[in-house]
Protein backbone atom coordinates (compact mmCIF):
# COMPACT_ATOMS: atom_id res chain seq x y z
CA GLU A 1 0.00 0.00 0.00
CA GLU A 2 2.83 2.41 0.82
CA VAL A 3 4.39 1.84 -2.61
CA ARG A 4 1.01 2.45 -4.28
CA VAL A 5 0.74 5.82 -2.50
CA ARG A 6 4.27 6.74 -3.63
CA VAL A 7 3.49 5.76 -7.22
CA GLY A 8 0.29 7.83 -7.13
CA ARG A 9 2.16 10.88 -5.81
CA TRP A 10 4.92 10.46 -8.39
CA MET A 11 2.36 10.23 -11.19
CA GLU A 12 0.59 13.34 -9.85
CA GLY A 13 3.94 15.12 -10.25
CA HIS A 14 4.04 14.04 -13.89
CA LYS A 15 0.54 15.06 -14.96
CA GLY A 16 -0.19 14.65 -18.64
CA GLN A 17 2.66 12.18 -19.21
CA GLN A 18 1.78 8.59 -20.07
CA PHE A 19 3.64 5.61 -18.66
CA MET A 20 3.55 1.97 -19.61
CA ALA A 21 4.07 -0.79 -17.04
CA GLY A 22 7.77 -1.06 -17.92
CA ASP A 23 8.24 2.66 -17.31
CA LEU A 24 6.77 2.34 -13.82
CA ILE A 25 8.94 -0.68 -13.05
CA ARG A 26 12.07 1.22 -14.13
CA GLU A 27 11.08 4.11 -11.83
CA PHE A 28 10.04 1.79 -8.98
CA PRO A 29 12.23 -1.35 -9.13
CA GLU A 30 10.33 -2.85 -6.19
CA LEU A 31 7.42 -3.39 -8.62
CA ASP A 32 9.43 -5.89 -10.68
CA GLY A 33 7.40 -9.08 -10.90
CA VAL A 34 4.18 -7.30 -9.88
CA ALA A 35 1.18 -7.26 -12.22
CA ILE A 36 1.02 -3.50 -12.77
CA SER A 37 -2.59 -3.56 -13.98
CA LEU A 38 -3.69 -5.12 -10.69
CA PHE A 39 -1.32 -2.98 -8.62
CA ILE A 40 -2.60 0.28 -10.10
CA LYS A 41 -6.28 -0.74 -10.24
CA PRO A 42 -7.18 0.95 -6.90
CA LEU A 43 -5.75 4.24 -8.20
CA VAL A 44 -7.79 3.87 -11.40
CA GLU A 45 -10.95 3.02 -9.44
CA ALA A 46 -10.38 6.07 -7.22
CA GLY A 47 -10.16 8.24 -10.34
CA THR A 48 -6.59 9.34 -9.61
CA VAL A 49 -5.04 7.51 -12.55
CA LYS A 50 -6.54 7.13 -16.02
CA THR A 51 -5.77 4.50 -18.64
CA ASP A 52 -5.24 4.74 -22.39
CA THR A 53 -5.87 1.47 -24.22
CA SER A 54 -6.05 2.98 -27.70
CA GLU A 55 -3.13 0.77 -28.80
CA GLY A 56 -4.63 -2.37 -27.22
CA ASN A 57 -4.71 -3.82 -23.72
CA ARG A 58 -1.15 -5.10 -23.95
CA ARG A 59 0.08 -1.53 -24.53
CA THR A 60 -1.96 0.16 -21.80
CA LYS A 61 -0.64 3.52 -20.73
CA TYR A 62 -1.32 5.03 -17.31
CA PHE A 63 -1.52 8.76 -16.63
CA VAL A 64 -2.89 11.53 -14.43
CA ALA A 65 -4.98 13.95 -16.46
CA GLU A 66 -4.06 17.61 -16.44
CA GLY A 67 -6.56 20.11 -15.20
């Protein structure tokens, strides 16, 4: 849970930028081996993080909307 809060805060600091699972793992090595879609799901459900699946589910991008 603590890591999820840190990831959420970090993404808030990068509003408008999109990150794929690999990008988040590079930024937070402790997520290696974690299913990012499941890890980030509570942030998506809370409305903090949005997803972009325009390139397909396997290329999902996560972001915090500006504004």
